[in-house]
N, C-alpha and C. Protein backbone atom coordinates (compact mmCIF):
# COMPACT_ATOMS: atom_id res chain seq x y z
N MET A 1 -212.69 66.10 1.22
CA MET A 1 -212.35 64.59 1.36
C MET A 1 -213.53 63.90 0.87
N GLY A 2 -212.90 62.70 0.34
CA GLY A 2 -214.09 61.64 -0.57
C GLY A 2 -214.96 60.94 0.37
N GLY A 3 -215.67 60.52 -0.02
CA GLY A 3 -216.83 59.42 0.46
C GLY A 3 -216.28 58.08 0.77
N ARG A 4 -216.80 57.48 2.00
CA ARG A 4 -215.78 56.28 1.96
C ARG A 4 -216.31 55.08 1.04
N GLY A 5 -217.06 55.15 0.32
CA GLY A 5 -217.20 54.31 -1.05
C GLY A 5 -217.94 52.88 -0.45
N ALA A 6 -218.36 52.09 -0.99
CA ALA A 6 -219.32 51.56 -0.60
C ALA A 6 -218.66 50.33 0.02
N SER A 7 -219.44 49.58 0.79
CA SER A 7 -218.32 48.61 1.92
C SER A 7 -218.52 47.26 0.64
N LEU A 8 -217.69 46.45 1.22
CA LEU A 8 -217.40 45.00 0.38
C LEU A 8 -218.82 43.89 0.59
N LYS A 9 -219.27 44.46 1.74
CA LYS A 9 -220.48 43.51 1.78
C LYS A 9 -221.94 43.85 0.95
N SER A 10 -222.09 45.07 0.97
CA SER A 10 -222.79 45.56 0.20
C SER A 10 -222.61 45.40 -1.69
N LEU A 11 -221.41 45.53 -1.60
CA LEU A 11 -220.79 44.79 -3.12
C LEU A 11 -221.33 43.97 -3.80
N ILE A 12 -220.70 43.17 -2.92
CA ILE A 12 -220.90 41.38 -2.77
C ILE A 12 -222.56 41.17 -3.00
N ARG A 13 -223.44 41.89 -2.07
CA ARG A 13 -224.67 41.43 -2.11
C ARG A 13 -225.66 41.65 -3.66
N LYS A 14 -224.85 43.35 -3.89
CA LYS A 14 -225.71 43.99 -5.23
C LYS A 14 -225.11 43.17 -6.28
N TYR A 15 -223.96 42.37 -6.40
CA TYR A 15 -223.55 41.72 -7.26
C TYR A 15 -224.07 40.43 -7.41
N GLU A 16 -224.22 39.64 -6.34
CA GLU A 16 -224.81 38.33 -6.20
C GLU A 16 -226.50 38.62 -6.83
N ASP A 17 -227.21 39.41 -6.33
CA ASP A 17 -228.49 39.75 -6.56
C ASP A 17 -228.79 39.90 -8.45
N GLY A 18 -227.48 40.69 -8.96
CA GLY A 18 -227.76 40.83 -9.92
C GLY A 18 -228.18 42.20 -10.30
N LEU A 19 -228.35 42.99 -9.69
CA LEU A 19 -228.32 44.45 -9.67
C LEU A 19 -227.35 44.93 -10.55
N LYS A 20 -225.92 44.68 -9.96
CA LYS A 20 -224.91 45.03 -10.72
C LYS A 20 -223.95 43.76 -11.96
N ARG A 21 -223.64 43.98 -12.65
CA ARG A 21 -223.51 43.10 -13.57
C ARG A 21 -222.26 43.58 -14.17
N MET A 22 -220.99 42.66 -14.53
CA MET A 22 -219.78 43.01 -14.97
C MET A 22 -219.60 43.71 -16.53
N TYR A 23 -220.33 43.28 -17.23
CA TYR A 23 -220.23 43.56 -18.54
C TYR A 23 -221.55 43.89 -19.15
N ASN A 24 -222.31 44.37 -18.36
CA ASN A 24 -223.58 45.31 -18.80
C ASN A 24 -223.53 46.57 -18.68
N PRO A 25 -223.59 47.50 -19.70
CA PRO A 25 -223.01 48.79 -19.49
C PRO A 25 -224.31 49.59 -18.98
N LYS A 26 -225.74 49.17 -18.51
CA LYS A 26 -226.74 49.91 -17.78
C LYS A 26 -226.20 49.38 -16.27
N SER A 27 -225.60 48.77 -15.87
CA SER A 27 -225.32 48.38 -14.51
C SER A 27 -224.59 47.96 -14.19
N SER A 28 -223.09 48.54 -14.79
CA SER A 28 -221.87 48.10 -14.47
C SER A 28 -221.01 48.28 -13.41
N ILE A 29 -220.31 47.95 -12.75
CA ILE A 29 -219.38 48.23 -11.74
C ILE A 29 -218.64 49.31 -12.07
N THR A 30 -218.23 49.99 -11.08
CA THR A 30 -217.45 51.24 -10.85
C THR A 30 -216.12 50.63 -10.92
N ARG A 31 -215.13 51.40 -11.47
CA ARG A 31 -213.59 51.09 -10.88
C ARG A 31 -213.22 50.47 -9.90
N ALA A 32 -213.85 51.41 -8.61
CA ALA A 32 -213.41 51.30 -7.68
C ALA A 32 -213.88 50.26 -6.78
N GLU A 33 -215.20 49.96 -7.07
CA GLU A 33 -215.83 48.58 -6.77
C GLU A 33 -215.49 47.21 -7.87
N ARG A 34 -215.09 47.57 -8.83
CA ARG A 34 -214.26 46.11 -8.93
C ARG A 34 -213.20 45.81 -8.41
N ARG A 35 -212.53 47.06 -8.38
CA ARG A 35 -211.15 46.88 -7.76
C ARG A 35 -211.11 46.37 -6.20
N ARG A 36 -212.17 46.52 -5.60
CA ARG A 36 -212.85 46.21 -4.07
C ARG A 36 -212.83 44.60 -4.58
N LEU A 37 -213.47 43.98 -5.16
CA LEU A 37 -213.87 42.85 -5.08
C LEU A 37 -212.81 42.03 -5.83
N ILE A 38 -211.94 42.79 -6.49
CA ILE A 38 -210.64 41.73 -7.21
C ILE A 38 -209.81 41.63 -5.85
N LYS A 39 -209.60 42.80 -5.03
CA LYS A 39 -208.69 42.31 -3.83
C LYS A 39 -209.20 41.74 -2.87
N ALA A 40 -210.43 41.55 -2.75
CA ALA A 40 -211.03 40.30 -2.30
C ALA A 40 -210.92 38.92 -2.50
N GLY A 41 -210.79 38.98 -3.27
CA GLY A 41 -210.56 37.52 -4.38
C GLY A 41 -212.03 37.09 -4.36
N TYR A 42 -213.01 37.96 -5.15
CA TYR A 42 -213.98 38.00 -5.69
C TYR A 42 -214.10 37.47 -7.13
N PHE A 43 -213.31 38.29 -7.63
CA PHE A 43 -212.98 38.12 -9.06
C PHE A 43 -211.88 37.70 -9.65
N LYS A 44 -211.74 37.17 -10.42
CA LYS A 44 -210.15 37.14 -10.60
C LYS A 44 -209.65 38.20 -11.97
N ILE A 45 -208.23 38.42 -11.60
CA ILE A 45 -207.89 39.42 -12.86
C ILE A 45 -207.42 38.94 -14.39
N GLU A 46 -208.41 39.25 -14.92
CA GLU A 46 -208.12 38.57 -16.48
C GLU A 46 -206.87 39.43 -17.19
N GLN A 47 -205.70 38.72 -16.97
CA GLN A 47 -204.73 39.12 -17.59
C GLN A 47 -204.85 39.01 -19.18
N LYS A 48 -204.11 39.96 -19.96
CA LYS A 48 -204.08 39.84 -21.13
C LYS A 48 -203.24 38.67 -21.84
N ARG A 49 -203.56 38.09 -22.61
CA ARG A 49 -202.96 36.85 -23.45
C ARG A 49 -202.26 37.17 -24.56
N ASP A 50 -200.98 36.97 -24.77
CA ASP A 50 -200.67 37.11 -26.08
C ASP A 50 -200.93 35.94 -27.10
N ALA A 51 -200.92 36.17 -28.22
CA ALA A 51 -201.86 34.93 -29.08
C ALA A 51 -200.38 33.96 -28.86
N PRO A 52 -200.76 32.63 -29.02
CA PRO A 52 -199.64 31.46 -28.74
C PRO A 52 -198.91 31.73 -30.09
N LYS A 53 -197.55 31.60 -29.88
CA LYS A 53 -196.74 31.43 -30.88
C LYS A 53 -196.44 30.17 -31.40
N ASN A 54 -196.69 29.97 -33.09
CA ASN A 54 -196.86 28.78 -33.42
C ASN A 54 -194.99 28.20 -33.75
N ASN A 55 -194.40 27.67 -33.16
CA ASN A 55 -193.17 27.44 -33.16
C ASN A 55 -192.76 26.15 -34.04
N SER A 56 -194.17 25.81 -34.56
CA SER A 56 -193.85 24.30 -35.42
C SER A 56 -193.17 24.81 -36.71
N LYS A 57 -192.75 23.64 -37.24
CA LYS A 57 -192.01 23.84 -38.55
C LYS A 57 -192.59 24.25 -39.43
N PRO A 58 -192.16 24.90 -40.60
CA PRO A 58 -193.32 25.10 -41.59
C PRO A 58 -193.60 23.94 -42.47
N SER A 59 -195.04 24.58 -42.95
CA SER A 59 -195.68 23.34 -43.91
C SER A 59 -194.84 22.81 -44.65
N PHE A 60 -194.87 21.72 -45.28
CA PHE A 60 -194.58 20.98 -46.36
C PHE A 60 -194.46 21.33 -47.71
N ASN A 61 -193.67 22.36 -48.43
CA ASN A 61 -193.96 22.98 -49.57
C ASN A 61 -193.67 21.75 -50.91
N ARG A 62 -194.91 21.16 -51.40
CA ARG A 62 -194.49 19.74 -52.19
C ARG A 62 -193.68 20.18 -53.55
N ALA A 63 -194.23 21.58 -54.36
CA ALA A 63 -193.53 21.91 -55.53
C ALA A 63 -191.63 22.18 -55.07
N LYS A 64 -191.92 22.82 -54.26
CA LYS A 64 -190.40 23.48 -54.08
C LYS A 64 -189.52 22.13 -53.56
N GLU A 65 -189.78 21.29 -53.21
CA GLU A 65 -189.16 20.14 -52.54
C GLU A 65 -188.92 19.38 -53.50
N ILE A 66 -189.69 18.84 -54.61
CA ILE A 66 -189.62 18.76 -55.76
C ILE A 66 -188.65 18.88 -56.94
N SER A 67 -188.60 20.39 -56.92
CA SER A 67 -187.88 21.02 -57.68
C SER A 67 -186.31 20.86 -57.04
N LYS A 68 -186.24 20.69 -55.69
CA LYS A 68 -184.74 20.48 -55.03
C LYS A 68 -184.20 19.43 -55.29
N PHE A 69 -185.35 18.41 -55.58
CA PHE A 69 -184.75 16.94 -55.64
C PHE A 69 -184.47 16.68 -56.97
N SER A 70 -184.54 17.51 -57.76
CA SER A 70 -184.23 17.40 -59.38
C SER A 70 -182.19 17.51 -59.58
N ASP A 71 -182.01 18.32 -58.16
CA ASP A 71 -180.68 18.07 -58.46
C ASP A 71 -179.93 16.82 -57.34
N PHE A 72 -178.97 16.78 -58.26
CA PHE A 72 -178.53 15.27 -57.48
C PHE A 72 -177.60 15.30 -56.28
N ALA A 73 -177.09 16.32 -56.09
CA ALA A 73 -175.95 16.84 -54.75
C ALA A 73 -177.01 16.92 -53.74
N TYR A 74 -178.53 17.58 -54.23
CA TYR A 74 -179.38 17.73 -53.10
C TYR A 74 -180.04 16.80 -52.87
N ARG A 75 -180.29 15.83 -53.47
CA ARG A 75 -181.19 14.60 -53.66
C ARG A 75 -180.30 13.69 -52.51
N LYS A 76 -178.89 13.41 -52.77
CA LYS A 76 -178.10 12.61 -52.30
C LYS A 76 -178.17 13.04 -50.50
N GLU A 77 -177.90 14.17 -50.77
CA GLU A 77 -177.92 15.02 -49.17
C GLU A 77 -178.86 14.59 -48.08
N ASN A 78 -180.03 14.65 -48.79
CA ASN A 78 -181.61 15.06 -48.15
C ASN A 78 -182.54 13.72 -48.44
N THR A 79 -181.90 12.87 -49.01
CA THR A 79 -182.87 11.54 -48.84
C THR A 79 -182.93 11.24 -47.41
N PRO A 80 -184.01 10.80 -46.97
CA PRO A 80 -183.57 10.29 -45.51
C PRO A 80 -182.69 9.11 -45.23
N ARG A 81 -182.59 8.64 -44.43
CA ARG A 81 -182.03 7.22 -44.46
C ARG A 81 -182.96 6.13 -43.98
N GLY A 82 -182.73 5.30 -44.99
CA GLY A 82 -183.63 4.13 -44.55
C GLY A 82 -185.12 4.24 -45.63
N ALA A 83 -184.66 4.78 -46.81
CA ALA A 83 -185.65 5.45 -47.52
C ALA A 83 -185.38 4.44 -49.51
N LYS A 84 -184.36 4.06 -49.29
CA LYS A 84 -184.09 3.44 -50.70
C LYS A 84 -184.73 2.65 -51.26
N SER A 85 -185.18 1.47 -50.52
CA SER A 85 -186.44 0.75 -51.39
C SER A 85 -187.28 1.36 -51.33
N PHE A 86 -188.20 2.07 -50.66
CA PHE A 86 -188.81 2.91 -50.75
C PHE A 86 -189.04 3.74 -52.00
N ALA A 87 -188.05 4.63 -52.28
CA ALA A 87 -188.45 4.94 -53.32
C ALA A 87 -187.83 4.17 -54.73
N THR A 88 -187.34 2.97 -54.41
CA THR A 88 -186.98 2.05 -55.86
C THR A 88 -188.35 1.45 -55.82
N MET A 89 -189.43 1.22 -54.42
CA MET A 89 -190.34 0.75 -55.27
C MET A 89 -191.39 1.73 -56.07
N PHE A 90 -191.59 3.14 -56.04
CA PHE A 90 -192.10 4.13 -57.11
C PHE A 90 -191.28 4.21 -58.19
N GLN A 91 -189.92 3.71 -58.51
CA GLN A 91 -189.18 3.62 -59.56
C GLN A 91 -189.74 2.52 -60.47
N LYS A 92 -189.94 1.10 -59.76
CA LYS A 92 -190.41 0.05 -60.32
C LYS A 92 -191.77 0.26 -60.82
N ASN A 93 -192.81 0.50 -60.67
CA ASN A 93 -194.03 1.11 -60.63
C ASN A 93 -194.20 2.42 -61.92
N GLY A 94 -192.99 2.94 -62.44
CA GLY A 94 -193.15 3.90 -63.37
C GLY A 94 -194.03 3.94 -64.25
N SER A 95 -194.29 2.77 -64.67
CA SER A 95 -195.28 2.42 -66.05
C SER A 95 -197.26 3.13 -65.23
N LEU A 96 -197.16 2.59 -64.03
CA LEU A 96 -198.37 3.13 -62.89
C LEU A 96 -198.35 4.52 -62.69
N THR A 97 -197.20 4.97 -62.13
CA THR A 97 -197.44 6.27 -61.97
C THR A 97 -197.13 7.42 -62.90
N HIS A 98 -196.94 7.08 -64.08
CA HIS A 98 -196.58 8.24 -64.91
C HIS A 98 -197.79 8.95 -65.25
N GLY A 99 -197.55 10.10 -65.37
CA GLY A 99 -198.23 11.10 -65.23
C GLY A 99 -199.15 11.40 -63.78
N ILE A 100 -198.87 10.75 -62.73
CA ILE A 100 -199.48 11.10 -61.45
C ILE A 100 -198.57 11.57 -60.36
N LEU A 101 -197.15 10.51 -60.77
CA LEU A 101 -196.06 11.41 -59.87
C LEU A 101 -195.59 12.34 -60.55
N ALA A 102 -194.83 13.28 -59.84
CA ALA A 102 -193.74 14.18 -60.59
C ALA A 102 -192.36 13.58 -60.33
N HIS A 103 -191.33 13.94 -61.51
CA HIS A 103 -190.24 13.22 -61.58
C HIS A 103 -189.24 13.65 -59.96
N ASN A 104 -189.06 12.41 -59.35
CA ASN A 104 -188.02 12.45 -57.98
C ASN A 104 -189.41 13.03 -56.84
N GLU A 105 -190.28 12.87 -57.04
CA GLU A 105 -191.46 12.78 -55.85
C GLU A 105 -191.23 11.65 -55.29
N GLU A 106 -190.86 10.57 -55.31
CA GLU A 106 -190.87 9.56 -54.32
C GLU A 106 -189.99 9.90 -53.25
N TYR A 107 -189.17 11.16 -53.58
CA TYR A 107 -187.85 11.28 -52.70
C TYR A 107 -188.77 12.50 -51.73
N ALA A 108 -189.45 13.53 -52.56
CA ALA A 108 -190.23 14.36 -51.62
C ALA A 108 -191.25 13.61 -50.73
N ILE A 109 -191.62 12.62 -50.78
CA ILE A 109 -192.88 11.51 -50.12
C ILE A 109 -191.73 11.29 -48.78
N ALA A 110 -190.65 10.83 -48.86
CA ALA A 110 -190.11 9.85 -48.31
C ALA A 110 -189.31 11.01 -47.19
N LYS A 111 -188.85 12.51 -47.61
CA LYS A 111 -188.75 13.39 -46.69
C LYS A 111 -190.14 14.04 -45.81
N TRP A 112 -191.31 13.98 -46.86
CA TRP A 112 -192.32 14.26 -45.72
C TRP A 112 -192.51 13.03 -44.44
N ALA A 113 -192.72 12.11 -45.12
CA ALA A 113 -192.79 10.98 -44.10
C ALA A 113 -191.97 11.07 -42.88
N ASN A 114 -190.44 11.56 -43.04
CA ASN A 114 -189.41 11.87 -42.34
C ASN A 114 -189.70 12.80 -41.49
N GLN A 115 -190.39 13.96 -41.92
CA GLN A 115 -190.57 15.19 -41.24
C GLN A 115 -192.17 14.66 -40.51
N LYS A 116 -192.80 13.76 -40.62
CA LYS A 116 -193.74 13.42 -40.41
C LYS A 116 -193.58 12.83 -38.83
N GLY A 117 -192.32 12.17 -38.76
CA GLY A 117 -191.81 11.15 -37.92
C GLY A 117 -192.05 9.63 -38.27
N TYR A 118 -192.29 9.24 -39.70
CA TYR A 118 -192.13 7.67 -39.96
C TYR A 118 -190.69 7.67 -40.47
N LYS A 119 -189.79 7.18 -39.27
CA LYS A 119 -188.64 7.22 -39.48
C LYS A 119 -188.16 5.52 -40.30
N ASN A 120 -187.07 5.28 -40.79
CA ASN A 120 -186.59 4.42 -41.49
C ASN A 120 -187.57 3.24 -42.41
N LEU A 121 -188.19 4.02 -43.46
CA LEU A 121 -189.66 3.43 -44.26
C LEU A 121 -188.73 2.32 -44.50
N ASP A 122 -187.80 1.41 -45.28
CA ASP A 122 -187.33 0.56 -45.57
C ASP A 122 -187.70 -0.64 -44.79
N LYS A 123 -187.93 -0.27 -43.21
CA LYS A 123 -188.14 -1.52 -41.73
C LYS A 123 -189.83 -1.52 -41.67
N LYS A 124 -190.61 -0.67 -42.61
CA LYS A 124 -192.35 -0.77 -42.06
C LYS A 124 -192.85 -1.66 -42.96
N SER A 125 -194.18 -2.23 -42.73
CA SER A 125 -194.66 -3.55 -42.94
C SER A 125 -195.20 -2.55 -44.22
N LYS A 126 -195.85 -3.26 -45.01
CA LYS A 126 -196.90 -3.06 -46.11
C LYS A 126 -197.81 -2.06 -45.60
N ASN A 127 -198.85 -2.80 -44.72
CA ASN A 127 -199.71 -1.75 -44.18
C ASN A 127 -199.18 -0.47 -43.79
N ASP A 128 -198.34 -0.20 -42.85
CA ASP A 128 -197.69 1.27 -42.63
C ASP A 128 -197.25 1.81 -43.87
N ILE A 129 -196.65 1.19 -44.42
CA ILE A 129 -196.17 2.06 -46.18
C ILE A 129 -197.68 2.67 -46.50
N GLY A 130 -198.20 1.49 -46.76
CA GLY A 130 -199.80 1.83 -46.74
C GLY A 130 -200.34 2.91 -46.80
N LYS A 131 -200.41 2.91 -45.28
CA LYS A 131 -200.96 4.37 -44.61
C LYS A 131 -200.70 5.50 -44.75
N ILE A 132 -199.13 5.60 -44.81
CA ILE A 132 -198.40 6.66 -45.06
C ILE A 132 -198.38 7.07 -46.20
N ILE A 133 -198.63 6.54 -47.32
CA ILE A 133 -199.17 6.75 -48.83
C ILE A 133 -200.38 7.57 -48.57
N GLY A 134 -201.38 6.78 -48.04
CA GLY A 134 -202.47 7.29 -47.88
C GLY A 134 -202.59 8.55 -47.26
N GLU A 135 -202.06 9.04 -46.28
CA GLU A 135 -201.40 10.33 -45.87
C GLU A 135 -201.36 11.39 -46.52
N TYR A 136 -200.24 10.99 -47.27
CA TYR A 136 -199.53 11.68 -48.09
C TYR A 136 -200.62 12.34 -49.26
N SER A 137 -201.07 11.47 -49.72
CA SER A 137 -202.48 11.55 -51.24
C SER A 137 -203.34 12.45 -50.56
N LYS A 138 -203.77 12.29 -49.73
CA LYS A 138 -204.75 13.04 -48.90
C LYS A 138 -204.52 14.36 -48.83
N GLY A 139 -203.39 15.08 -48.88
CA GLY A 139 -203.02 16.35 -48.64
C GLY A 139 -202.20 17.16 -49.84
N TYR A 140 -201.60 16.05 -50.82
CA TYR A 140 -200.71 16.46 -51.53
C TYR A 140 -200.97 15.60 -53.32
N ASN A 141 -201.37 14.76 -53.14
CA ASN A 141 -201.61 14.03 -54.47
C ASN A 141 -202.74 12.98 -54.49
N PRO A 142 -204.03 13.19 -54.84
CA PRO A 142 -204.90 12.35 -54.09
C PRO A 142 -205.00 11.48 -54.78
N LYS A 143 -204.75 11.56 -56.35
CA LYS A 143 -204.65 10.33 -57.30
C LYS A 143 -203.70 9.35 -56.86
N LEU A 144 -202.95 9.67 -56.08
CA LEU A 144 -201.44 8.49 -55.92
C LEU A 144 -202.11 7.64 -55.17
N SER A 145 -202.68 7.63 -53.82
CA SER A 145 -203.63 6.30 -53.49
C SER A 145 -204.19 5.71 -54.33
N ARG A 146 -205.07 5.88 -55.19
CA ARG A 146 -205.83 4.99 -56.35
C ARG A 146 -204.79 3.83 -56.87
N VAL A 147 -203.75 4.46 -57.26
CA VAL A 147 -202.68 3.63 -58.10
C VAL A 147 -202.16 2.52 -57.01
N VAL A 148 -202.09 3.35 -55.81
CA VAL A 148 -201.08 2.46 -54.91
C VAL A 148 -201.88 1.21 -54.56
N ASN A 149 -203.39 1.34 -54.46
CA ASN A 149 -204.37 0.70 -53.65
C ASN A 149 -204.42 -0.84 -54.70
N SER A 150 -204.14 -0.35 -56.13
CA SER A 150 -204.48 -1.18 -57.44
C SER A 150 -204.00 -2.59 -57.00
N ASN A 151 -204.44 -3.35 -57.94
CA ASN A 151 -203.73 -4.76 -57.96
C ASN A 151 -202.50 -5.15 -58.65
N GLU A 152 -201.95 -4.01 -59.59
CA GLU A 152 -201.32 -3.76 -60.45
C GLU A 152 -199.99 -3.64 -59.62
N TRP A 153 -200.25 -2.96 -58.62
CA TRP A 153 -198.99 -2.12 -57.71
C TRP A 153 -198.02 -3.27 -57.33
N ASP A 154 -196.36 -3.00 -57.64
CA ASP A 154 -195.60 -4.21 -57.00
C ASP A 154 -195.14 -3.58 -55.92
N TRP A 155 -195.31 -4.49 -54.73
CA TRP A 155 -194.77 -4.00 -53.50
C TRP A 155 -193.34 -4.44 -53.51
N HIS A 156 -192.26 -3.40 -54.18
CA HIS A 156 -191.23 -4.27 -53.68
C HIS A 156 -190.73 -4.26 -52.47
N LYS A 157 -190.30 -5.15 -51.93
CA LYS A 157 -189.51 -5.69 -50.73
C LYS A 157 -190.71 -5.61 -49.58
N TYR A 158 -191.92 -5.26 -49.70
CA TYR A 158 -192.59 -5.19 -48.72
C TYR A 158 -193.60 -5.89 -48.85
């Protein structure tokens, strides 16, 4: 026959006085003592947490999208609705963007903006378009924002 074990009152007193510490290896609580304290509601049961799953869409792959947009059928199918004037603006400023934008990158920018939640780019204001281009350029094409903010940039229909 085993002993009675420590009473709950004495366990709580020892724990509160600092004589017994939960994570101190020199004076750790025994399993039985811990179980009694958990049952009494003095400790909460720490459940093992799974790592949170990232259900978000994969990040935007600029190089892959630009290469896909070189195909006419893909470009026609995947250009977001309301992005025609947006793409035309980059094409009209071709002399400024030469060497900065990749071929058909304007469609990739429109698709990126659509994925970020900026819908119907043709109806956005000039300031909104500037913010969208600035946000894109921070992550993918840093030289682009300097060109767009220059005085020579033609804001086609904006």
